[in-house]
Amino acid sequence: MAEVDNNGWKFAQCFGDKGEVEDITEDGQGGTKNLYHSLFHFVRRIGVFAWAARQRLVLGRDRVPVPDTDIISTVEFDHTGDYLATGDKGGRVVLFERNDGKKGCEYKFYTEFQSHEPEFDYLKSLEIEEKINKIKWCKRQNAAHFLLSTNDKTIKLWKVFEKSLKVVAENNLSDGLRPSNGQLSNLKLPKLTHHDTIIAAVPRKVYANAHAYHINSISINSDGETYISADDLRINLWNLNISDQSFNIVDIKPVNMEELTEVITAAEFHPVHCNLFMYSSSKGTIKLSDMRAAALCDQHAKLFEEQEDPANKSFFSEIISSISDVKFSKDGRYILSRDYLTLKIWDIAMENRP
């Protein structure tokens, strides 16, 4: 890891080959405008607290404007932490793998592929952006990697694997001589030899036409067979092997849209129990549901909500209390939620306060 002095920050490594790694100091001389996207980790030493950027993605320089398509929209590690996936507004997915040849936690480029393309819904006269909203890794079962990626409307299952390229090394005309009478005395079977190994990405399934509103979350179940996708008003349950059918398990859309008071902002399966999942709302609540209770899980099993002091209520209270994302801990005992200003850790056994 790079040395961090008491007065500033320093980059240890940079993702990609666009631009150079620079020191960043408090006096502003280190080119802080070049920091479009950085992955920071915290460093604590005795009596000294400092931040250091372990690696960063440099998407442009001061004098070169960064295209909107290059702006990263989502980041996701796999279950082992050995691979990192990033999605951008251009519909591309870039994968990185841990660099075992380096000390510490550093990643190198693995592969890149175009996941989504811009589309147009002619029935609704609506443009569908190619921006990647979420990426989720499936648990690895063999040498290949499987991951889900989604834009506003369509979810895709990708298979990423090493592909061996072979070329014909020997055949009947390998010496460049052709028989004069058109006949060969000895026939040889063509031989293939290994030429190169590439990382290939192919779409295995396309899950489309299931959401009327923009998809904001996808989460793979612990059973490895199903996953959920959530938009503003509905949550659907999918089987990974069935792309043309899904089941609606949460629907908060009112009969009269003028009575709409909240929207779904995020959803995630429990990491251990395949029947449990949670979803958060714009009103600052987290609801835990059990799929064993009913086919339609509009009635939650638990409600996590912190009561607000009426004296502190203001015009902006509802805006800043909206939860933007939720995550279970690895053992499923705790819930981490993020709103506009704070991070909160909830005990799944205590609903009234974090």
Protein backbone atom coordinates (compact mmCIF):
# COMPACT_ATOMS: atom_id res chain seq x y z
CA MET A 1 0.00 0.00 0.00
CA ALA A 2 1.21 3.47 -0.75
CA GLU A 3 2.59 5.55 2.08
CA VAL A 4 0.13 8.13 3.40
CA ASP A 5 1.60 11.18 5.05
CA ASN A 6 -0.17 13.24 7.69
CA ASN A 7 -1.07 16.05 5.33
CA GLY A 8 -2.74 14.46 2.36
CA TRP A 9 -3.87 11.62 0.16
CA LYS A 10 -2.02 9.48 -2.30
CA PHE A 11 -3.12 7.07 -5.01
CA ALA A 12 -1.73 3.56 -4.88
CA GLN A 13 -2.89 2.34 -8.28
CA CYS A 14 -5.08 3.37 -11.19
CA PHE A 15 -7.54 1.22 -13.16
CA GLY A 16 -7.12 1.37 -16.94
CA ASP A 17 -4.58 3.15 -19.07
CA LYS A 18 -6.19 6.57 -19.54
CA GLY A 19 -4.26 9.16 -17.65
CA GLU A 20 -1.60 8.97 -15.00
CA VAL A 21 -1.55 8.42 -11.27
CA GLU A 22 -1.00 11.64 -9.39
CA ASP A 23 -0.52 12.65 -5.78
CA ILE A 24 -3.37 14.65 -4.26
CA THR A 25 -2.46 17.09 -1.53
CA GLU A 26 -4.45 19.58 0.49
CA ASP A 27 -3.08 22.57 -1.37
CA GLY A 28 -5.03 21.62 -4.51
CA GLN A 29 -1.95 21.16 -6.67
CA GLY A 30 -2.57 17.48 -7.40
CA GLY A 31 -5.23 17.85 -10.05
CA THR A 32 -8.35 16.99 -8.06
CA LYS A 33 -10.50 17.71 -11.11
CA ASN A 34 -9.24 14.46 -12.57
CA LEU A 35 -11.04 12.50 -9.85
CA TYR A 36 -14.15 11.42 -11.65
CA HIS A 37 -14.47 8.08 -9.89
CA SER A 38 -12.40 6.79 -6.98
CA LEU A 39 -12.54 3.77 -4.70
CA PHE A 40 -11.44 4.81 -1.25
CA HIS A 41 -10.48 2.74 1.70
CA PHE A 42 -9.76 3.91 5.19
CA VAL A 43 -6.37 3.75 6.80
CA ARG A 44 -5.98 4.05 10.56
CA ARG A 45 -2.67 4.46 12.29
CA ILE A 46 -1.92 5.17 15.91
CA GLY A 47 -2.95 8.74 16.57
CA VAL A 48 -3.37 9.46 12.83
CA PHE A 49 -6.44 9.15 10.64
CA ALA A 50 -6.11 9.40 6.87
CA TRP A 51 -7.83 8.39 3.64
CA ALA A 52 -6.06 6.77 0.73
CA ALA A 53 -7.33 5.88 -2.73
CA ARG A 54 -6.30 2.29 -3.33
CA GLN A 55 -7.25 2.33 -6.98
CA ARG A 56 -9.18 4.63 -9.25
CA LEU A 57 -10.83 4.69 -12.66
CA VAL A 58 -9.62 7.68 -14.64
CA LEU A 59 -12.13 8.57 -17.31
CA GLY A 60 -10.63 11.79 -18.60
CA ARG A 61 -8.29 14.71 -18.07
CA ASP A 62 -8.92 18.35 -17.24
CA ARG A 63 -8.85 19.42 -20.87
CA VAL A 64 -10.73 16.43 -22.23
CA PRO A 65 -14.44 16.35 -21.36
CA VAL A 66 -15.70 13.02 -20.09
CA PRO A 67 -18.53 11.56 -22.21
CA ASP A 68 -21.71 10.80 -20.31
CA THR A 69 -21.52 7.22 -21.56
CA ASP A 70 -18.29 6.68 -19.59
CA ILE A 71 -19.77 7.65 -16.23
CA ILE A 72 -20.00 4.64 -13.91
CA SER A 73 -23.54 3.90 -12.74
CA THR A 74 -23.06 0.76 -10.62
CA VAL A 75 -20.30 -1.31 -8.98
CA GLU A 76 -20.54 -4.86 -7.62
CA PHE A 77 -18.08 -7.38 -6.15
CA ASP A 78 -18.62 -11.11 -6.51
CA HIS A 79 -19.07 -13.35 -3.47
CA THR A 80 -15.35 -14.08 -3.15
CA GLY A 81 -14.12 -10.53 -3.64
CA ASP A 82 -11.77 -11.70 -6.39
CA TYR A 83 -13.78 -10.06 -9.17
CA LEU A 84 -15.25 -6.59 -9.57
CA ALA A 85 -17.91 -5.56 -12.10
CA THR A 86 -18.71 -2.00 -13.11
CA GLY A 87 -21.52 -0.76 -15.34
CA ASP A 88 -21.72 2.62 -17.02
CA LYS A 89 -24.25 4.87 -18.71
CA GLY A 90 -23.15 3.58 -22.11
CA GLY A 91 -24.50 0.09 -21.36
CA ARG A 92 -21.05 -1.47 -20.98
CA VAL A 93 -19.96 -3.89 -18.27
CA VAL A 94 -16.27 -3.97 -17.36
CA LEU A 95 -14.88 -6.77 -15.20
CA PHE A 96 -11.73 -6.67 -13.10
CA GLU A 97 -9.97 -9.53 -11.33
CA ARG A 98 -7.72 -9.48 -8.30
CA ASN A 99 -4.07 -9.15 -9.20
CA ASP A 100 -2.34 -11.84 -7.16
CA GLY A 101 1.05 -10.60 -8.30
CA LYS A 102 0.65 -7.40 -6.32
CA LYS A 103 0.78 -6.93 -2.59
CA GLY A 104 -2.48 -5.90 -0.97
CA CYS A 105 -5.85 -5.65 -2.67
CA GLU A 106 -5.38 -4.54 -6.27
CA TYR A 107 -7.34 -5.37 -9.40
CA LYS A 108 -6.50 -5.62 -13.07
CA PHE A 109 -8.63 -5.53 -16.22
CA TYR A 110 -10.35 -8.83 -17.02
CA THR A 111 -12.83 -8.22 -19.86
CA GLU A 112 -15.42 -5.79 -21.22
CA PHE A 113 -18.66 -6.30 -23.14
CA GLN A 114 -21.68 -4.34 -24.31
CA SER A 115 -24.61 -5.41 -22.16
CA HIS A 116 -27.44 -3.12 -23.30
CA GLU A 117 -28.20 -0.93 -26.29
CA PRO A 118 -30.52 2.11 -26.43
CA GLU A 119 -34.06 1.19 -27.40
CA PHE A 120 -37.32 2.95 -28.21
CA ASP A 121 -40.77 1.94 -27.02
CA TYR A 122 -43.02 2.88 -29.91
CA LEU A 123 -46.23 2.13 -28.00
CA LYS A 124 -45.37 4.61 -25.24
CA SER A 125 -43.13 6.88 -27.35
CA LEU A 126 -40.45 6.41 -24.74
CA GLU A 127 -36.70 6.15 -25.11
CA ILE A 128 -35.11 3.38 -23.03
CA GLU A 129 -31.58 4.26 -21.97
CA GLU A 130 -28.78 1.74 -22.12
CA LYS A 131 -27.49 2.77 -18.68
CA ILE A 132 -26.74 -0.17 -16.38
CA ASN A 133 -28.73 0.23 -13.16
CA LYS A 134 -27.63 -2.90 -11.29
CA ILE A 135 -25.24 -5.84 -11.61
CA LYS A 136 -25.47 -9.02 -9.53
CA TRP A 137 -23.09 -11.99 -9.58
CA CYS A 138 -24.44 -15.52 -9.43
CA LYS A 139 -22.58 -17.90 -7.15
CA ARG A 140 -19.92 -19.66 -9.16
CA GLN A 141 -20.65 -23.32 -9.92
CA ASN A 142 -17.96 -24.06 -12.52
CA ALA A 143 -15.18 -22.36 -14.43
CA ALA A 144 -17.57 -19.84 -15.99
CA HIS A 145 -18.99 -16.70 -14.37
CA PHE A 146 -22.68 -15.83 -14.52
CA LEU A 147 -24.02 -12.38 -13.74
CA LEU A 148 -27.25 -10.41 -14.11
CA SER A 149 -27.29 -6.88 -15.50
CA THR A 150 -30.27 -4.60 -15.99
CA ASN A 151 -31.19 -1.24 -17.42
CA ASP A 152 -34.57 0.43 -16.87
CA LYS A 153 -36.62 -2.32 -18.53
CA THR A 154 -34.63 -5.42 -19.49
CA ILE A 155 -32.62 -7.88 -17.40
CA LYS A 156 -29.96 -10.10 -18.99
CA LEU A 157 -28.10 -13.16 -17.74
CA TRP A 158 -24.52 -13.23 -19.02
CA LYS A 159 -22.04 -16.07 -19.13
CA VAL A 160 -18.38 -15.03 -19.00
CA PHE A 161 -15.84 -17.75 -19.72
CA GLU A 162 -12.41 -18.46 -21.17
CA LYS A 163 -12.60 -19.53 -24.80
CA SER A 164 -9.79 -21.32 -26.58
CA LEU A 165 -9.08 -20.23 -30.14
CA LYS A 166 -7.72 -22.95 -32.41
CA VAL A 167 -6.29 -22.77 -35.92
CA VAL A 168 -5.59 -25.39 -38.54
CA ALA A 169 -1.90 -26.24 -38.19
CA GLU A 170 -1.59 -29.07 -40.71
CA ASN A 171 -3.63 -30.28 -43.66
CA ASN A 172 -3.13 -31.89 -47.05
CA LEU A 173 -2.00 -28.65 -48.66
CA SER A 174 0.02 -27.25 -45.79
CA ASP A 175 3.24 -27.45 -47.78
CA GLY A 176 1.77 -25.18 -50.45
CA LEU A 177 2.08 -27.77 -53.24
CA ARG A 178 -0.94 -28.90 -55.24
CA PRO A 179 -0.95 -32.27 -57.05
CA SER A 180 -0.79 -31.92 -60.83
CA ASN A 181 -3.34 -34.66 -61.51
CA GLY A 182 -5.74 -33.48 -58.77
CA GLN A 183 -5.10 -36.56 -56.61
CA LEU A 184 -3.16 -37.06 -53.41
CA SER A 185 -1.22 -40.22 -52.60
CA ASN A 186 -1.56 -39.76 -48.82
CA LEU A 187 -4.53 -38.07 -47.15
CA LYS A 188 -3.94 -36.33 -43.85
CA LEU A 189 -6.53 -35.37 -41.29
CA PRO A 190 -6.38 -31.63 -40.50
CA LYS A 191 -4.88 -30.88 -37.11
CA LEU A 192 -5.97 -28.04 -34.84
CA THR A 193 -3.59 -26.40 -32.43
CA HIS A 194 -4.22 -23.91 -29.65
CA HIS A 195 -3.67 -20.35 -30.83
CA ASP A 196 -4.94 -18.06 -28.08
CA THR A 197 -7.31 -17.84 -25.10
CA ILE A 198 -9.84 -15.03 -24.93
CA ILE A 199 -12.48 -14.02 -22.38
CA ALA A 200 -15.88 -14.30 -24.04
CA ALA A 201 -19.26 -13.03 -22.83
CA VAL A 202 -22.52 -14.36 -24.24
CA PRO A 203 -26.12 -13.64 -23.15
CA ARG A 204 -27.83 -16.79 -21.89
CA LYS A 205 -31.25 -15.36 -21.00
CA VAL A 206 -33.14 -12.10 -21.61
CA TYR A 207 -35.90 -11.22 -19.14
CA ALA A 208 -38.02 -8.50 -20.71
CA ASN A 209 -41.50 -6.93 -20.75
CA ALA A 210 -42.24 -7.52 -17.07
CA HIS A 211 -41.94 -4.01 -15.61
CA ALA A 212 -44.05 -0.97 -16.42
CA TYR A 213 -41.75 1.29 -14.41
CA HIS A 214 -38.00 1.66 -14.14
CA ILE A 215 -36.13 -1.24 -12.53
CA ASN A 216 -34.13 -0.10 -9.50
CA SER A 217 -33.06 -3.41 -7.90
CA ILE A 218 -32.28 -7.04 -8.63
CA SER A 219 -31.33 -9.63 -6.02
CA ILE A 220 -30.43 -13.31 -6.40
CA ASN A 221 -31.89 -15.77 -3.92
CA SER A 222 -29.76 -17.97 -1.69
CA ASP A 223 -31.25 -21.05 -3.39
CA GLY A 224 -29.37 -20.09 -6.58
CA GLU A 225 -32.46 -20.68 -8.72
CA THR A 226 -34.60 -17.56 -8.36
CA TYR A 227 -34.19 -13.81 -8.13
CA ILE A 228 -36.36 -10.73 -7.66
CA SER A 229 -36.53 -7.52 -9.66
CA ALA A 230 -38.10 -4.35 -8.30
CA ASP A 231 -39.40 -1.18 -9.89
CA ASP A 232 -41.15 1.81 -8.31
CA LEU A 233 -44.40 -0.02 -7.54
CA ARG A 234 -43.92 -3.78 -8.04
CA ILE A 235 -41.56 -6.62 -7.21
CA ASN A 236 -41.41 -9.69 -9.46
CA LEU A 237 -40.06 -13.17 -8.73
CA TRP A 238 -38.16 -14.93 -11.53
CA ASN A 239 -36.66 -18.33 -12.16
CA LEU A 240 -33.22 -18.00 -13.71
CA ASN A 241 -34.05 -20.72 -16.25
CA ILE A 242 -37.40 -19.22 -17.33
CA SER A 243 -37.22 -15.90 -19.16
CA ASP A 244 -40.81 -15.50 -20.39
CA GLN A 245 -42.66 -15.77 -17.08
CA SER A 246 -42.46 -14.08 -13.68
CA PHE A 247 -44.66 -13.85 -10.60
CA ASN A 248 -45.72 -10.58 -9.00
CA ILE A 249 -45.14 -10.83 -5.23
CA VAL A 250 -45.47 -7.16 -4.19
CA ASP A 251 -47.79 -4.57 -5.73
CA ILE A 252 -48.27 -1.21 -3.99
CA LYS A 253 -49.87 0.56 -6.95
CA PRO A 254 -53.13 2.20 -5.81
CA VAL A 255 -56.31 2.09 -7.86
CA ASN A 256 -56.16 5.86 -8.15
CA MET A 257 -52.63 7.06 -8.84
CA GLU A 258 -53.44 10.37 -7.16
CA GLU A 259 -53.47 8.44 -3.87
CA LEU A 260 -49.86 7.29 -4.35
CA THR A 261 -47.83 8.22 -1.27
CA GLU A 262 -44.66 6.12 -1.57
CA VAL A 263 -42.57 4.14 -4.04
CA ILE A 264 -40.23 1.17 -3.72
CA THR A 265 -36.59 2.23 -3.75
CA ALA A 266 -34.69 -1.05 -3.22
CA ALA A 267 -35.24 -4.77 -2.61
CA GLU A 268 -33.02 -7.65 -1.53
CA PHE A 269 -33.29 -11.34 -0.64
CA HIS A 270 -32.17 -12.66 2.73
CA PRO A 271 -28.68 -14.23 2.38
CA VAL A 272 -29.62 -17.39 4.32
CA HIS A 273 -33.39 -17.93 4.30
CA CYS A 274 -34.71 -18.20 0.74
CA ASN A 275 -38.28 -17.33 1.78
CA LEU A 276 -37.45 -13.91 3.23
CA PHE A 277 -36.85 -10.65 1.41
CA MET A 278 -37.02 -6.95 2.26
CA TYR A 279 -37.82 -3.77 0.39
CA SER A 280 -37.46 -0.11 1.29
CA SER A 281 -39.66 2.85 0.43
CA SER A 282 -39.39 6.57 -0.12
CA LYS A 283 -41.12 7.14 3.25
CA GLY A 284 -38.09 5.81 5.12
CA THR A 285 -39.51 2.40 6.00
CA ILE A 286 -38.08 -1.10 5.50
CA LYS A 287 -40.49 -4.00 5.19
CA LEU A 288 -39.51 -7.63 5.69
CA SER A 289 -41.79 -10.13 3.94
CA ASP A 290 -42.16 -13.91 4.08
CA MET A 291 -43.14 -15.65 0.85
CA ARG A 292 -44.49 -18.60 2.85
CA ALA A 293 -47.30 -16.46 4.26
CA ALA A 294 -49.05 -15.64 0.98
CA ALA A 295 -48.51 -15.57 -2.76
CA LEU A 296 -48.85 -11.76 -2.77
CA CYS A 297 -46.63 -10.32 -0.04
CA ASP A 298 -48.34 -6.95 0.37
CA GLN A 299 -48.70 -7.68 4.09
CA HIS A 300 -45.24 -7.46 5.61
CA ALA A 301 -43.97 -9.59 8.46
CA LYS A 302 -41.88 -6.82 10.04
CA LEU A 303 -41.71 -3.07 9.64
CA PHE A 304 -38.49 -1.20 10.45
CA GLU A 305 -39.17 2.48 10.99
CA GLU A 306 -37.69 5.14 13.22
CA GLN A 307 -40.31 7.48 14.59
CA GLU A 308 -39.46 11.11 13.96
CA ASP A 309 -39.73 13.75 16.62
CA PRO A 310 -42.58 16.11 15.58
CA ALA A 311 -40.56 19.05 16.85
CA ASN A 312 -37.82 18.33 14.31
CA LYS A 313 -40.16 17.81 11.36
CA SER A 314 -39.65 20.19 8.46
CA PHE A 315 -40.49 20.61 4.80
CA PHE A 316 -37.47 18.49 3.83
CA SER A 317 -38.08 15.67 6.33
CA GLU A 318 -39.77 13.38 3.83
CA ILE A 319 -37.08 14.02 1.21
CA ILE A 320 -34.08 13.26 3.42
CA SER A 321 -35.76 10.24 5.04
CA SER A 322 -36.19 8.41 1.72
CA ILE A 323 -34.08 5.23 1.74
CA SER A 324 -31.96 4.84 -1.37
CA ASP A 325 -30.51 1.37 -0.71
CA VAL A 326 -30.62 -1.52 1.77
CA LYS A 327 -28.32 -4.49 2.39
CA PHE A 328 -28.36 -7.53 4.65
CA SER A 329 -25.28 -8.47 6.63
CA LYS A 330 -23.58 -11.70 5.59
CA ASP A 331 -25.35 -13.71 8.30
CA GLY A 332 -28.68 -11.93 7.74
CA ARG A 333 -28.84 -10.67 11.33
CA TYR A 334 -28.48 -6.97 10.52
CA ILE A 335 -29.77 -4.56 7.88
CA LEU A 336 -27.76 -1.60 6.61
CA SER A 337 -29.85 1.22 5.16
CA ARG A 338 -28.79 4.45 3.51
CA ASP A 339 -30.89 7.59 3.29
CA TYR A 340 -30.02 11.09 2.17
CA LEU A 341 -27.86 11.97 5.17
CA THR A 342 -27.18 8.87 7.25
CA LEU A 343 -26.30 5.19 7.33
CA LYS A 344 -28.29 3.09 9.78
CA ILE A 345 -27.72 -0.45 11.05
CA TRP A 346 -30.87 -2.29 12.10
CA ASP A 347 -31.10 -5.43 14.19
CA ILE A 348 -33.60 -7.73 12.51
CA ALA A 349 -35.03 -8.53 15.95
CA MET A 350 -35.63 -4.85 16.87
CA GLU A 351 -37.98 -2.87 14.65
CA ASN A 352 -38.56 0.42 16.49
CA ARG A 353 -35.10 1.96 16.20
CA PRO A 354 -31.71 1.28 14.56
